Amino acid sequence: MDMMSYEEVLQKVGHLLTHNIGNSMLPLLRQGRDSIMIDRCDPYHLQKFDVVMFKRPGDRKGRYVLHRILRCRQDGSYWVVGDNLTSGEIVKPDQIVGVMSAVGRNGKTFKTTSEEYQRYIRFWCTPWPLRIAFLRLFYLMTWIRGKTGRKTEIRID
């Protein structure tokens, strides 16, 4: 039996259910715990905060990446970043395979239109410049702690 690519499944069926690998979309998606529904989409009409599945050009392994749109650019491309990352990349519409429409966790499904998901967007995604600064500080402190071999404490008196 031939395996179909995600693109072929989306073209034929219109959606696919899969699992994520990695931690770039924490705290929203947890590897080995969550499932994601990806829908076919018009890659030229996406919005800020949509989570898109795309392929990087030149990736010989054919891996798919799932990151969030944080900026829709004037040239029609998108600036995307993982929810747990501090740097992003530009993605062109022809790289986009689909858009996330739901997350499954512990037997429950949360659509991207649900109130729970919208609360997450307001809390974690809307203040993304502050989140990125916070994550950079957190990763720096973790790196310093690893280099010194001791815990780094911040005291506020």
N, C-alpha and C. Protein backbone atom coordinates (compact mmCIF):
# COMPACT_ATOMS: atom_id res chain seq x y z
N MET A 1 0.84 -1.19 0.00
CA MET A 1 0.00 0.00 0.00
C MET A 1 0.88 1.25 0.00
N ASP A 2 0.63 2.16 -0.89
CA ASP A 2 1.41 3.38 -0.98
C ASP A 2 0.97 4.36 0.09
N MET A 3 1.97 5.04 0.67
CA MET A 3 1.69 6.07 1.66
C MET A 3 1.42 7.38 0.93
N MET A 4 0.40 8.09 1.37
CA MET A 4 0.10 9.39 0.78
C MET A 4 0.77 10.48 1.61
N SER A 5 1.19 11.54 0.95
CA SER A 5 1.74 12.69 1.66
C SER A 5 0.59 13.45 2.32
N TYR A 6 0.93 14.33 3.23
CA TYR A 6 -0.10 15.17 3.85
C TYR A 6 -0.83 15.99 2.79
N GLU A 7 -0.09 16.47 1.82
CA GLU A 7 -0.72 17.26 0.76
C GLU A 7 -1.75 16.44 0.01
N GLU A 8 -1.42 15.18 -0.28
CA GLU A 8 -2.35 14.31 -1.01
C GLU A 8 -3.59 14.00 -0.18
N VAL A 9 -3.39 13.77 1.13
CA VAL A 9 -4.54 13.50 2.01
C VAL A 9 -5.44 14.72 2.06
N LEU A 10 -4.86 15.90 2.23
CA LEU A 10 -5.66 17.12 2.29
C LEU A 10 -6.39 17.38 0.98
N GLN A 11 -5.73 17.10 -0.12
CA GLN A 11 -6.38 17.30 -1.42
C GLN A 11 -7.54 16.33 -1.60
N LYS A 12 -7.36 15.09 -1.17
CA LYS A 12 -8.37 14.06 -1.38
C LYS A 12 -9.49 14.13 -0.35
N VAL A 13 -9.14 14.30 0.93
CA VAL A 13 -10.11 14.22 2.03
C VAL A 13 -10.51 15.60 2.55
N GLY A 14 -9.59 16.55 2.53
CA GLY A 14 -9.89 17.90 3.01
C GLY A 14 -9.37 18.18 4.41
N HIS A 15 -9.01 17.14 5.15
CA HIS A 15 -8.45 17.32 6.49
C HIS A 15 -7.65 16.08 6.85
N LEU A 16 -6.82 16.22 7.88
CA LEU A 16 -6.08 15.06 8.39
C LEU A 16 -5.88 15.21 9.87
N LEU A 17 -5.81 14.09 10.55
CA LEU A 17 -5.57 14.04 11.98
C LEU A 17 -4.19 13.46 12.19
N THR A 18 -3.34 14.17 12.93
CA THR A 18 -1.98 13.72 13.15
C THR A 18 -1.51 14.15 14.54
N HIS A 19 -0.27 13.83 14.85
CA HIS A 19 0.34 14.21 16.13
C HIS A 19 1.55 15.08 15.84
N ASN A 20 1.87 15.95 16.77
CA ASN A 20 3.05 16.79 16.60
C ASN A 20 4.28 16.11 17.18
N ILE A 21 5.42 16.49 16.64
CA ILE A 21 6.71 16.02 17.16
C ILE A 21 7.50 17.27 17.52
N GLY A 22 8.04 17.31 18.71
CA GLY A 22 8.84 18.45 19.14
C GLY A 22 8.10 19.33 20.12
N ASN A 23 8.80 20.36 20.59
CA ASN A 23 8.24 21.23 21.62
C ASN A 23 8.11 22.68 21.19
N SER A 24 8.20 22.96 19.89
CA SER A 24 8.16 24.36 19.45
C SER A 24 6.79 25.01 19.66
N MET A 25 5.74 24.22 19.83
CA MET A 25 4.41 24.79 20.02
C MET A 25 3.90 24.65 21.46
N LEU A 26 4.81 24.38 22.40
CA LEU A 26 4.42 24.41 23.80
C LEU A 26 4.01 25.83 24.17
N PRO A 27 3.13 26.07 25.05
CA PRO A 27 2.38 25.11 25.87
C PRO A 27 1.11 24.58 25.20
N LEU A 28 0.82 25.03 23.99
CA LEU A 28 -0.40 24.58 23.32
C LEU A 28 -0.36 23.10 22.98
N LEU A 29 0.70 22.65 22.34
CA LEU A 29 0.79 21.26 21.88
C LEU A 29 1.91 20.53 22.59
N ARG A 30 1.57 19.36 23.10
CA ARG A 30 2.55 18.54 23.83
C ARG A 30 2.78 17.24 23.09
N GLN A 31 4.04 17.00 22.78
CA GLN A 31 4.41 15.79 22.04
C GLN A 31 3.98 14.54 22.80
N GLY A 32 3.42 13.59 22.07
CA GLY A 32 3.00 12.33 22.66
C GLY A 32 1.70 12.41 23.43
N ARG A 33 1.11 13.58 23.49
CA ARG A 33 -0.11 13.75 24.28
C ARG A 33 -1.27 14.28 23.44
N ASP A 34 -0.97 15.16 22.52
CA ASP A 34 -2.02 15.85 21.78
C ASP A 34 -2.11 15.37 20.34
N SER A 35 -3.28 15.55 19.77
CA SER A 35 -3.48 15.32 18.34
C SER A 35 -3.93 16.64 17.74
N ILE A 36 -3.70 16.80 16.45
CA ILE A 36 -4.06 18.03 15.78
C ILE A 36 -4.83 17.73 14.51
N MET A 37 -5.84 18.54 14.24
CA MET A 37 -6.60 18.44 13.00
C MET A 37 -6.10 19.54 12.08
N ILE A 38 -5.67 19.15 10.90
CA ILE A 38 -5.21 20.09 9.89
C ILE A 38 -6.22 20.07 8.75
N ASP A 39 -6.65 21.24 8.32
CA ASP A 39 -7.61 21.37 7.23
C ASP A 39 -6.94 21.97 6.00
N ARG A 40 -7.47 21.59 4.85
CA ARG A 40 -7.04 22.24 3.61
C ARG A 40 -7.43 23.71 3.71
N CYS A 41 -6.64 24.59 3.13
CA CYS A 41 -6.92 26.02 3.24
C CYS A 41 -6.46 26.74 1.98
N ASP A 42 -6.89 27.97 1.87
CA ASP A 42 -6.39 28.86 0.82
C ASP A 42 -5.20 29.59 1.45
N PRO A 43 -3.97 29.24 1.07
CA PRO A 43 -2.79 29.81 1.73
C PRO A 43 -2.59 31.30 1.45
N TYR A 44 -3.40 31.87 0.60
CA TYR A 44 -3.29 33.30 0.31
C TYR A 44 -4.24 34.14 1.15
N HIS A 45 -5.08 33.48 1.96
CA HIS A 45 -6.05 34.20 2.78
C HIS A 45 -6.05 33.71 4.22
N LEU A 46 -4.89 33.68 4.83
CA LEU A 46 -4.78 33.29 6.23
C LEU A 46 -4.71 34.55 7.09
N GLN A 47 -4.89 34.36 8.41
CA GLN A 47 -4.93 35.49 9.31
C GLN A 47 -3.88 35.37 10.40
N LYS A 48 -3.61 36.50 11.02
CA LYS A 48 -2.73 36.54 12.17
C LYS A 48 -3.27 35.57 13.23
N PHE A 49 -2.38 34.80 13.82
CA PHE A 49 -2.63 33.79 14.86
C PHE A 49 -3.10 32.45 14.33
N ASP A 50 -3.33 32.31 13.01
CA ASP A 50 -3.59 30.98 12.47
C ASP A 50 -2.33 30.13 12.65
N VAL A 51 -2.50 28.84 12.91
CA VAL A 51 -1.38 27.91 13.02
C VAL A 51 -1.33 27.13 11.71
N VAL A 52 -0.23 27.26 10.99
CA VAL A 52 -0.11 26.66 9.68
C VAL A 52 0.91 25.52 9.66
N MET A 53 0.62 24.53 8.84
CA MET A 53 1.58 23.46 8.57
C MET A 53 2.23 23.80 7.24
N PHE A 54 3.56 23.78 7.22
CA PHE A 54 4.28 24.13 6.00
C PHE A 54 5.53 23.28 5.86
N LYS A 55 6.10 23.34 4.68
CA LYS A 55 7.36 22.67 4.40
C LYS A 55 8.40 23.72 4.07
N ARG A 56 9.58 23.55 4.65
CA ARG A 56 10.68 24.47 4.35
C ARG A 56 11.28 24.11 3.00
N PRO A 57 11.57 25.11 2.19
CA PRO A 57 12.18 24.81 0.89
C PRO A 57 13.56 24.18 1.09
N GLY A 58 13.85 23.19 0.28
CA GLY A 58 15.15 22.54 0.36
C GLY A 58 15.29 21.50 1.45
N ASP A 59 14.24 21.25 2.23
CA ASP A 59 14.31 20.22 3.26
C ASP A 59 14.21 18.86 2.59
N ARG A 60 15.32 18.18 2.47
CA ARG A 60 15.36 16.90 1.76
C ARG A 60 14.63 15.78 2.49
N LYS A 61 14.42 15.96 3.79
CA LYS A 61 13.74 14.92 4.56
C LYS A 61 12.22 15.03 4.46
N GLY A 62 11.75 16.11 3.85
CA GLY A 62 10.31 16.28 3.66
C GLY A 62 9.53 16.49 4.94
N ARG A 63 10.16 17.10 5.92
CA ARG A 63 9.49 17.32 7.21
C ARG A 63 8.50 18.47 7.12
N TYR A 64 7.49 18.37 7.95
CA TYR A 64 6.46 19.41 8.05
C TYR A 64 6.70 20.18 9.34
N VAL A 65 6.38 21.46 9.31
CA VAL A 65 6.55 22.34 10.47
C VAL A 65 5.19 22.95 10.78
N LEU A 66 4.90 23.08 12.07
CA LEU A 66 3.64 23.68 12.51
C LEU A 66 3.98 24.89 13.38
N HIS A 67 3.73 26.11 12.86
CA HIS A 67 3.99 27.32 13.61
C HIS A 67 2.85 28.31 13.41
N ARG A 68 2.86 29.35 14.24
CA ARG A 68 1.78 30.33 14.26
C ARG A 68 2.15 31.58 13.45
N ILE A 69 1.19 32.09 12.69
CA ILE A 69 1.39 33.34 11.97
C ILE A 69 1.31 34.49 12.98
N LEU A 70 2.38 35.29 13.04
CA LEU A 70 2.36 36.47 13.91
C LEU A 70 2.32 37.76 13.11
N ARG A 71 2.60 37.66 11.82
CA ARG A 71 2.53 38.85 10.98
C ARG A 71 2.20 38.45 9.54
N CYS A 72 1.22 39.11 8.97
CA CYS A 72 0.91 38.95 7.55
C CYS A 72 1.64 40.09 6.84
N ARG A 73 2.55 39.73 5.97
CA ARG A 73 3.42 40.72 5.33
C ARG A 73 2.80 41.30 4.06
N GLN A 74 3.26 42.49 3.69
CA GLN A 74 2.73 43.20 2.52
C GLN A 74 2.91 42.39 1.23
N ASP A 75 3.97 41.59 1.14
CA ASP A 75 4.24 40.84 -0.08
C ASP A 75 3.45 39.54 -0.18
N GLY A 76 2.56 39.29 0.80
CA GLY A 76 1.72 38.09 0.78
C GLY A 76 2.31 36.92 1.55
N SER A 77 3.54 37.06 2.03
CA SER A 77 4.14 36.01 2.85
C SER A 77 3.74 36.21 4.32
N TYR A 78 4.17 35.28 5.16
CA TYR A 78 3.80 35.32 6.57
C TYR A 78 5.06 35.17 7.42
N TRP A 79 5.08 35.87 8.55
CA TRP A 79 6.15 35.67 9.53
C TRP A 79 5.57 34.74 10.58
N VAL A 80 6.19 33.57 10.75
CA VAL A 80 5.67 32.55 11.66
C VAL A 80 6.69 32.24 12.74
N VAL A 81 6.16 31.87 13.92
CA VAL A 81 6.99 31.52 15.07
C VAL A 81 6.28 30.43 15.85
N GLY A 82 7.02 29.47 16.36
CA GLY A 82 6.46 28.50 17.29
C GLY A 82 6.12 29.18 18.60
N ASP A 83 5.09 28.75 19.28
CA ASP A 83 4.66 29.38 20.53
C ASP A 83 5.74 29.32 21.62
N ASN A 84 6.70 28.41 21.49
CA ASN A 84 7.75 28.23 22.48
C ASN A 84 9.11 28.68 21.94
N LEU A 85 9.12 29.43 20.85
CA LEU A 85 10.37 29.86 20.24
C LEU A 85 10.55 31.37 20.35
N THR A 86 11.79 31.80 20.17
CA THR A 86 12.09 33.23 20.26
C THR A 86 12.47 33.85 18.92
N SER A 87 12.52 33.05 17.88
CA SER A 87 12.80 33.60 16.55
C SER A 87 11.87 32.94 15.55
N GLY A 88 11.63 33.66 14.47
CA GLY A 88 10.70 33.18 13.48
C GLY A 88 11.31 33.08 12.11
N GLU A 89 10.46 32.83 11.14
CA GLU A 89 10.90 32.73 9.75
C GLU A 89 9.77 33.17 8.84
N ILE A 90 10.14 33.52 7.63
CA ILE A 90 9.17 33.94 6.64
C ILE A 90 8.74 32.73 5.83
N VAL A 91 7.43 32.57 5.68
CA VAL A 91 6.86 31.45 4.92
C VAL A 91 6.02 32.02 3.79
N LYS A 92 6.25 31.51 2.60
CA LYS A 92 5.47 31.92 1.44
C LYS A 92 4.23 31.03 1.31
N PRO A 93 3.17 31.56 0.73
CA PRO A 93 1.93 30.78 0.61
C PRO A 93 2.12 29.42 -0.07
N ASP A 94 3.02 29.32 -1.03
CA ASP A 94 3.19 28.04 -1.72
C ASP A 94 3.87 26.97 -0.87
N GLN A 95 4.39 27.35 0.30
CA GLN A 95 4.97 26.39 1.24
C GLN A 95 3.92 25.81 2.18
N ILE A 96 2.78 26.46 2.28
CA ILE A 96 1.76 26.09 3.27
C ILE A 96 0.93 24.92 2.77
N VAL A 97 0.81 23.92 3.65
CA VAL A 97 0.08 22.69 3.34
C VAL A 97 -1.35 22.77 3.87
N GLY A 98 -1.52 23.31 5.07
CA GLY A 98 -2.84 23.38 5.69
C GLY A 98 -2.82 24.25 6.93
N VAL A 99 -3.97 24.37 7.56
CA VAL A 99 -4.12 25.19 8.75
C VAL A 99 -4.74 24.34 9.86
N MET A 100 -4.27 24.52 11.09
CA MET A 100 -4.80 23.77 12.23
C MET A 100 -6.21 24.26 12.55
N SER A 101 -7.14 23.30 12.73
CA SER A 101 -8.52 23.67 13.05
C SER A 101 -8.96 23.17 14.42
N ALA A 102 -8.20 22.23 15.01
CA ALA A 102 -8.58 21.70 16.32
C ALA A 102 -7.40 21.00 16.97
N VAL A 103 -7.48 20.91 18.30
CA VAL A 103 -6.49 20.20 19.11
C VAL A 103 -7.24 19.18 19.95
N GLY A 104 -6.72 17.97 19.99
CA GLY A 104 -7.30 16.93 20.84
C GLY A 104 -6.40 16.64 22.01
N ARG A 105 -6.98 16.63 23.22
CA ARG A 105 -6.21 16.34 24.43
C ARG A 105 -7.11 15.65 25.44
N ASN A 106 -6.64 14.53 25.95
CA ASN A 106 -7.36 13.79 27.00
C ASN A 106 -8.81 13.49 26.62
N GLY A 107 -9.03 13.13 25.38
CA GLY A 107 -10.37 12.78 24.94
C GLY A 107 -11.27 13.96 24.62
N LYS A 108 -10.76 15.16 24.77
CA LYS A 108 -11.54 16.36 24.45
C LYS A 108 -10.96 17.02 23.21
N THR A 109 -11.83 17.67 22.45
CA THR A 109 -11.40 18.39 21.26
C THR A 109 -11.68 19.87 21.44
N PHE A 110 -10.67 20.68 21.16
CA PHE A 110 -10.80 22.13 21.25
C PHE A 110 -10.63 22.70 19.84
N LYS A 111 -11.70 23.21 19.28
CA LYS A 111 -11.61 23.84 17.97
C LYS A 111 -10.94 25.20 18.12
N THR A 112 -10.32 25.65 17.05
CA THR A 112 -9.66 26.95 17.11
C THR A 112 -10.66 28.10 17.23
N THR A 113 -11.92 27.80 17.05
CA THR A 113 -12.97 28.82 17.22
C THR A 113 -13.56 28.80 18.64
N SER A 114 -13.14 27.84 19.47
CA SER A 114 -13.71 27.70 20.82
C SER A 114 -13.25 28.82 21.75
N GLU A 115 -14.02 29.06 22.79
CA GLU A 115 -13.69 30.09 23.77
C GLU A 115 -12.38 29.75 24.49
N GLU A 116 -12.15 28.47 24.80
CA GLU A 116 -10.91 28.06 25.49
C GLU A 116 -9.69 28.42 24.64
N TYR A 117 -9.78 28.12 23.36
CA TYR A 117 -8.67 28.42 22.46
C TYR A 117 -8.48 29.93 22.32
N GLN A 118 -9.56 30.67 22.23
CA GLN A 118 -9.48 32.13 22.09
C GLN A 118 -8.87 32.76 23.35
N ARG A 119 -9.14 32.19 24.53
CA ARG A 119 -8.50 32.66 25.76
C ARG A 119 -6.99 32.46 25.68
N TYR A 120 -6.58 31.30 25.17
CA TYR A 120 -5.15 31.02 25.00
C TYR A 120 -4.52 32.06 24.07
N ILE A 121 -5.20 32.37 22.98
CA ILE A 121 -4.70 33.38 22.03
C ILE A 121 -4.51 34.72 22.74
N ARG A 122 -5.52 35.14 23.52
CA ARG A 122 -5.45 36.43 24.20
C ARG A 122 -4.32 36.45 25.23
N PHE A 123 -4.12 35.35 25.95
CA PHE A 123 -3.12 35.30 27.02
C PHE A 123 -1.71 35.10 26.48
N TRP A 124 -1.52 34.13 25.58
CA TRP A 124 -0.18 33.71 25.19
C TRP A 124 0.28 34.31 23.85
N CYS A 125 -0.63 34.55 22.95
CA CYS A 125 -0.22 34.94 21.60
C CYS A 125 -0.32 36.43 21.33
N THR A 126 -1.34 37.09 21.83
CA THR A 126 -1.50 38.51 21.56
C THR A 126 -0.32 39.32 22.07
N PRO A 127 0.17 39.07 23.29
CA PRO A 127 1.34 39.84 23.75
C PRO A 127 2.67 39.19 23.33
N TRP A 128 2.76 38.72 22.08
CA TRP A 128 3.92 37.95 21.65
C TRP A 128 5.24 38.68 21.77
N PRO A 129 5.33 40.00 21.59
CA PRO A 129 6.66 40.62 21.80
C PRO A 129 7.15 40.45 23.24
N LEU A 130 6.24 40.58 24.20
CA LEU A 130 6.62 40.37 25.60
C LEU A 130 6.96 38.91 25.87
N ARG A 131 6.19 38.00 25.27
CA ARG A 131 6.45 36.57 25.44
C ARG A 131 7.83 36.21 24.92
N ILE A 132 8.19 36.72 23.77
CA ILE A 132 9.50 36.41 23.19
C ILE A 132 10.61 36.96 24.09
N ALA A 133 10.45 38.18 24.61
CA ALA A 133 11.45 38.74 25.52
C ALA A 133 11.55 37.90 26.79
N PHE A 134 10.41 37.49 27.33
CA PHE A 134 10.39 36.64 28.53
C PHE A 134 11.11 35.31 28.27
N LEU A 135 10.79 34.67 27.13
CA LEU A 135 11.42 33.39 26.81
C LEU A 135 12.93 33.53 26.63
N ARG A 136 13.36 34.60 26.00
CA ARG A 136 14.80 34.82 25.83
C ARG A 136 15.49 34.96 27.18
N LEU A 137 14.89 35.71 28.09
CA LEU A 137 15.45 35.87 29.44
C LEU A 137 15.47 34.52 30.16
N PHE A 138 14.38 33.78 30.06
CA PHE A 138 14.28 32.47 30.70
C PHE A 138 15.36 31.52 30.17
N TYR A 139 15.53 31.46 28.84
CA TYR A 139 16.54 30.57 28.24
C TYR A 139 17.95 31.02 28.61
N LEU A 140 18.18 32.33 28.70
CA LEU A 140 19.49 32.84 29.12
C LEU A 140 19.79 32.41 30.56
N MET A 141 18.80 32.56 31.43
CA MET A 141 19.00 32.16 32.83
C MET A 141 19.24 30.65 32.94
N THR A 142 18.54 29.87 32.15
CA THR A 142 18.73 28.42 32.15
C THR A 142 20.14 28.09 31.67
N TRP A 143 20.62 28.79 30.63
CA TRP A 143 21.97 28.57 30.11
C TRP A 143 23.01 28.94 31.16
N ILE A 144 22.83 30.09 31.84
CA ILE A 144 23.76 30.53 32.88
C ILE A 144 23.79 29.51 34.01
N ARG A 145 22.65 29.04 34.41
CA ARG A 145 22.58 28.05 35.48
C ARG A 145 23.33 26.78 35.08
N GLY A 146 23.19 26.38 33.83
CA GLY A 146 23.90 25.19 33.34
C GLY A 146 25.40 25.40 33.31
N LYS A 147 25.86 26.61 32.98
CA LYS A 147 27.30 26.91 32.92
C LYS A 147 27.92 26.99 34.31
N THR A 148 27.18 27.52 35.28
CA THR A 148 27.73 27.71 36.61
C THR A 148 27.52 26.48 37.49
N GLY A 149 26.62 25.60 37.07
CA GLY A 149 26.36 24.41 37.86
C GLY A 149 25.56 24.66 39.11
N ARG A 150 24.98 25.82 39.22
CA ARG A 150 24.16 26.11 40.39
C ARG A 150 22.92 26.86 39.97
N LYS A 151 21.98 26.90 40.86
CA LYS A 151 20.73 27.59 40.57
C LYS A 151 20.95 29.09 40.63
N THR A 152 20.30 29.78 39.72
CA THR A 152 20.34 31.24 39.71
C THR A 152 19.04 31.73 40.32
N GLU A 153 19.19 32.55 41.35
CA GLU A 153 18.00 33.07 42.02
C GLU A 153 17.88 34.55 41.78
N ILE A 154 16.67 34.99 41.67
CA ILE A 154 16.40 36.41 41.59
C ILE A 154 15.65 36.76 42.86
N ARG A 155 16.25 37.67 43.66
CA ARG A 155 15.60 38.09 44.90
C ARG A 155 15.06 39.49 44.75
N ILE A 156 13.87 39.63 45.19
CA ILE A 156 13.26 40.95 45.20
C ILE A 156 12.94 41.26 46.66
N ASP A 157 13.64 42.22 47.19
CA ASP A 157 13.45 42.59 48.61
C ASP A 157 12.58 43.81 48.74
